[in-house]
């Protein structure tokens, strides 16, 4: 038994000695040698792919560069938008670029200023709360949330009422409410879409086959 144990141990030592060590430099740690080996293999695979299919390699490189450029531009644009929303005055800037919007937004601001007077709530905060509520309802309704789809018409009616009572000139009230109704109708095409009936269709198929 001792002879067999010695022979087995000797074979293991010989196999370990015959196994080539990964490429590296003397004194490098094991993880660095392993990483260098993996990088060398990856470089060889990439070069083999480039030499075998140069057109595919060029397409892959172009797609990767386009994706990186798109990501950088998108991140830069989002950073500027967030900075504008936090440190700028979005309502004033939009009103300057689109003066027609003031026909509908000024009455709402007037109504909020009148009804928030004396309250521990500024006009800008109230406007942001109202606008953010509308955005959340619209986003949820676009994803076919039943509660949001039921509340979306109520939100539109309340906004129209604010514009109506916030307009001082009686002759201008139908114009302000009409613009709001037009904008609300366009947004409702997305917010009030029909709910999916895939489940009902799947349940009805066995009944149709039975007939």
Protein backbone atom coordinates (compact mmCIF):
# COMPACT_ATOMS: atom_id res chain seq x y z
CA UNK A 1 0.00 0.00 0.00
CA UNK A 2 2.86 2.36 0.75
CA UNK A 3 4.29 1.81 -2.76
CA UNK A 4 0.98 2.71 -4.37
CA UNK A 5 0.62 5.84 -2.27
CA UNK A 6 4.12 6.95 -3.19
CA UNK A 7 3.49 6.29 -6.88
CA UNK A 8 0.22 8.25 -6.87
CA UNK A 9 1.81 11.20 -5.11
CA UNK A 10 4.68 11.14 -7.54
CA UNK A 11 2.35 11.18 -10.53
CA UNK A 12 0.45 14.17 -9.13
CA UNK A 13 3.68 16.07 -8.54
CA UNK A 14 4.89 15.28 -12.06
CA UNK A 15 1.57 16.45 -13.61
CA UNK A 16 1.69 19.69 -11.61
CA UNK A 17 5.24 20.29 -12.69
CA UNK A 18 4.35 19.62 -16.34
CA UNK A 19 1.41 22.10 -16.29
CA UNK A 20 2.60 25.35 -17.87
CA UNK A 21 2.26 28.43 -15.71
CA UNK A 22 0.11 31.27 -17.03
CA UNK A 23 1.99 34.11 -18.68
CA UNK A 24 3.13 36.83 -16.36
CA UNK A 25 6.09 38.42 -14.70
CA UNK A 26 8.07 37.01 -11.78
CA UNK A 27 6.77 38.28 -8.50
CA UNK A 28 3.25 39.07 -9.76
CA UNK A 29 0.32 38.01 -7.54
CA UNK A 30 -1.93 35.19 -8.71
CA UNK A 31 -4.90 37.46 -9.49
CA UNK A 32 -2.75 39.71 -11.70
CA UNK A 33 -1.37 36.73 -13.60
CA UNK A 34 -4.88 35.34 -14.10
CA UNK A 35 -6.19 38.71 -15.28
CA UNK A 36 -3.31 39.04 -17.74
CA UNK A 37 -4.06 35.57 -19.09
CA UNK A 38 -7.74 36.42 -19.58
CA UNK A 39 -6.89 39.68 -21.32
CA UNK A 40 -4.49 37.89 -23.64
CA UNK A 41 -7.15 35.33 -24.56
CA UNK A 42 -9.73 38.06 -25.13
CA UNK A 43 -7.33 39.99 -27.35
CA UNK A 44 -6.69 36.90 -29.45
CA UNK A 45 -10.44 36.23 -29.80
CA UNK A 46 -11.11 39.81 -30.88
CA UNK A 47 -8.28 39.73 -33.39
CA UNK A 48 -9.53 36.41 -34.76
CA UNK A 49 -13.01 37.89 -35.12
CA UNK A 50 -11.67 41.00 -36.88
CA UNK A 51 -9.56 38.99 -39.34
CA UNK A 52 -12.36 36.48 -40.00
CA UNK A 53 -15.24 38.95 -40.45
CA UNK A 54 -13.96 42.53 -40.92
CA UNK A 55 -17.37 43.86 -42.03
CA UNK A 56 -19.07 42.49 -38.95
CA UNK A 57 -16.31 43.88 -36.74
CA UNK A 58 -16.69 47.33 -38.32
CA UNK A 59 -20.47 47.19 -37.78
CA UNK A 60 -20.00 46.14 -34.16
CA UNK A 61 -17.51 48.94 -33.49
CA UNK A 62 -19.76 51.52 -35.16
CA UNK A 63 -22.78 50.35 -33.15
CA UNK A 64 -20.81 50.46 -29.91
CA UNK A 65 -19.48 53.96 -30.61
CA UNK A 66 -22.97 55.13 -31.56
CA UNK A 67 -24.40 53.70 -28.35
CA UNK A 68 -21.74 55.35 -26.23
CA UNK A 69 -22.23 58.70 -27.99
CA UNK A 70 -26.01 58.47 -27.58
CA UNK A 71 -25.66 57.66 -23.89
CA UNK A 72 -23.30 60.60 -23.33
CA UNK A 73 -25.57 63.04 -25.18
CA UNK A 74 -28.66 61.76 -23.35
CA UNK A 75 -26.99 62.07 -19.95
CA UNK A 76 -25.77 65.56 -20.78
CA UNK A 77 -29.24 66.65 -21.92
CA UNK A 78 -30.90 65.18 -18.83
CA UNK A 79 -28.36 66.92 -16.58
CA UNK A 80 -29.10 70.27 -18.24
CA UNK A 81 -32.87 69.72 -17.98
CA UNK A 82 -32.63 68.85 -14.29
CA UNK A 83 -30.44 71.90 -13.67
CA UNK A 84 -32.96 74.07 -15.53
CA UNK A 85 -35.86 72.65 -13.52
CA UNK A 86 -34.10 73.12 -10.18
CA UNK A 87 -32.30 76.44 -10.62
CA UNK A 88 -34.26 78.06 -13.46
CA UNK A 89 -37.83 79.21 -14.00
CA UNK A 90 -39.42 76.68 -16.36
CA UNK A 91 -42.90 78.19 -16.33
CA UNK A 92 -41.62 81.66 -17.24
CA UNK A 93 -39.29 80.32 -19.92
CA UNK A 94 -41.98 78.20 -21.56
CA UNK A 95 -44.42 81.09 -21.47
CA UNK A 96 -41.89 83.31 -23.23
CA UNK A 97 -41.30 80.74 -25.97
CA UNK A 98 -45.00 79.95 -26.39
CA UNK A 99 -47.04 83.06 -25.58
CA UNK A 100 -50.30 81.33 -26.53
CA UNK A 101 -49.97 79.08 -23.48
CA UNK A 102 -50.41 82.08 -21.21
CA UNK A 103 -54.03 82.29 -22.32
CA UNK A 104 -54.65 79.08 -20.36
CA UNK A 105 -51.88 79.15 -17.74
CA UNK A 106 -52.34 82.72 -16.50
CA UNK A 107 -55.97 82.12 -15.39
CA UNK A 108 -54.90 79.02 -13.48
CA UNK A 109 -52.10 80.97 -11.81
CA UNK A 110 -54.53 83.77 -10.97
CA UNK A 111 -56.98 81.29 -9.44
CA UNK A 112 -54.23 79.66 -7.36
CA UNK A 113 -52.89 83.05 -6.23
CA UNK A 114 -56.37 84.09 -5.12
CA UNK A 115 -57.13 80.90 -3.19
CA UNK A 116 -53.69 80.43 -1.61
CA UNK A 117 -53.55 83.95 -0.20
CA UNK A 118 -53.07 83.78 3.57
CA UNK A 119 -52.10 80.11 3.51
CA UNK A 120 -48.61 78.77 4.34
CA UNK A 121 -48.25 77.78 0.70
CA UNK A 122 -46.63 79.79 -2.06
CA UNK A 123 -48.07 80.11 -5.54
CA UNK A 124 -45.10 78.32 -7.10
CA UNK A 125 -45.42 75.38 -4.69
CA UNK A 126 -49.14 75.06 -5.36
CA UNK A 127 -48.55 75.16 -9.12
CA UNK A 128 -45.88 72.47 -8.86
CA UNK A 129 -48.15 70.24 -6.76
CA UNK A 130 -51.00 70.60 -9.24
CA UNK A 131 -48.77 69.99 -12.25
CA UNK A 132 -47.02 67.02 -10.64
CA UNK A 133 -50.38 65.49 -9.76
CA UNK A 134 -51.47 65.78 -13.38
CA UNK A 135 -48.23 64.22 -14.60
CA UNK A 136 -48.56 61.25 -12.24
CA UNK A 137 -52.18 60.67 -13.25
CA UNK A 138 -51.32 60.93 -16.93
CA UNK A 139 -48.36 58.55 -16.61
CA UNK A 140 -50.36 55.98 -14.67
CA UNK A 141 -53.34 56.28 -17.03
CA UNK A 142 -51.07 55.70 -20.03
CA UNK A 143 -50.11 52.40 -18.38
CA UNK A 144 -53.82 51.51 -18.14
CA UNK A 145 -54.15 52.04 -14.38
CA UNK A 146 -57.90 51.96 -13.75
CA UNK A 147 -57.88 54.42 -10.87
CA UNK A 148 -55.79 56.94 -12.81
CA UNK A 149 -58.05 56.61 -15.86
CA UNK A 150 -61.05 57.37 -13.67
CA UNK A 151 -59.36 60.35 -12.01
CA UNK A 152 -57.96 61.82 -15.24
CA UNK A 153 -61.34 63.25 -16.44
CA UNK A 154 -61.94 64.70 -12.96
CA UNK A 155 -58.51 66.34 -13.07
CA UNK A 156 -59.25 67.82 -16.50
CA UNK A 157 -62.64 69.15 -15.37
CA UNK A 158 -61.07 70.72 -12.25
CA UNK A 159 -58.35 72.35 -14.33
CA UNK A 160 -60.94 73.72 -16.77
CA UNK A 161 -62.95 75.11 -13.84
CA UNK A 162 -59.83 76.81 -12.46
CA UNK A 163 -59.20 78.41 -15.85
CA UNK A 164 -62.84 79.52 -16.15
CA UNK A 165 -63.09 81.18 -12.75
CA UNK A 166 -59.54 82.51 -12.93
CA UNK A 167 -60.21 84.51 -16.10
CA UNK A 168 -61.30 88.04 -15.22
CA UNK A 169 -62.75 88.92 -18.62
CA UNK A 170 -65.92 86.98 -19.31
CA UNK A 171 -65.38 87.05 -23.07
CA UNK A 172 -61.99 85.33 -22.69
CA UNK A 173 -63.23 82.45 -20.55
CA UNK A 174 -64.40 80.21 -23.43
CA UNK A 175 -61.06 80.70 -25.19
CA UNK A 176 -59.01 79.65 -22.15
CA UNK A 177 -61.21 76.66 -21.42
CA UNK A 178 -61.28 75.71 -25.09
CA UNK A 179 -57.49 75.61 -25.29
CA UNK A 180 -57.33 73.49 -22.17
CA UNK A 181 -60.00 71.16 -23.52
CA UNK A 182 -58.09 70.75 -26.79
CA UNK A 183 -54.85 69.91 -24.98
CA UNK A 184 -56.65 67.58 -22.57
CA UNK A 185 -58.40 65.78 -25.46
CA UNK A 186 -55.10 65.12 -27.24
CA UNK A 187 -53.50 63.77 -24.06
CA UNK A 188 -56.60 61.65 -23.40
CA UNK A 189 -55.94 59.72 -26.60
CA UNK A 190 -53.05 58.13 -24.71
CA UNK A 191 -54.40 58.26 -21.17
CA UNK A 192 -57.83 56.76 -21.85
CA UNK A 193 -56.82 53.92 -24.12
CA UNK A 194 -58.83 50.71 -23.89
CA UNK A 195 -57.64 48.05 -21.51
CA UNK A 196 -56.15 44.88 -22.90
CA UNK A 197 -58.45 41.88 -23.20
CA UNK A 198 -55.86 39.19 -23.79
CA UNK A 199 -56.98 37.29 -20.69
CA UNK A 200 -60.62 37.34 -21.79
CA UNK A 201 -59.65 36.15 -25.26
CA UNK A 202 -57.67 33.25 -23.83
CA UNK A 203 -60.61 32.21 -21.67
CA UNK A 204 -63.02 32.43 -24.60
CA UNK A 205 -60.96 30.24 -26.92
CA UNK A 206 -61.78 26.92 -25.14
CA UNK A 207 -65.48 27.79 -25.28
CA UNK A 208 -65.29 28.45 -29.01
CA UNK A 209 -63.49 25.17 -29.61
CA UNK A 210 -66.13 23.26 -27.65
CA UNK A 211 -68.84 24.59 -29.91
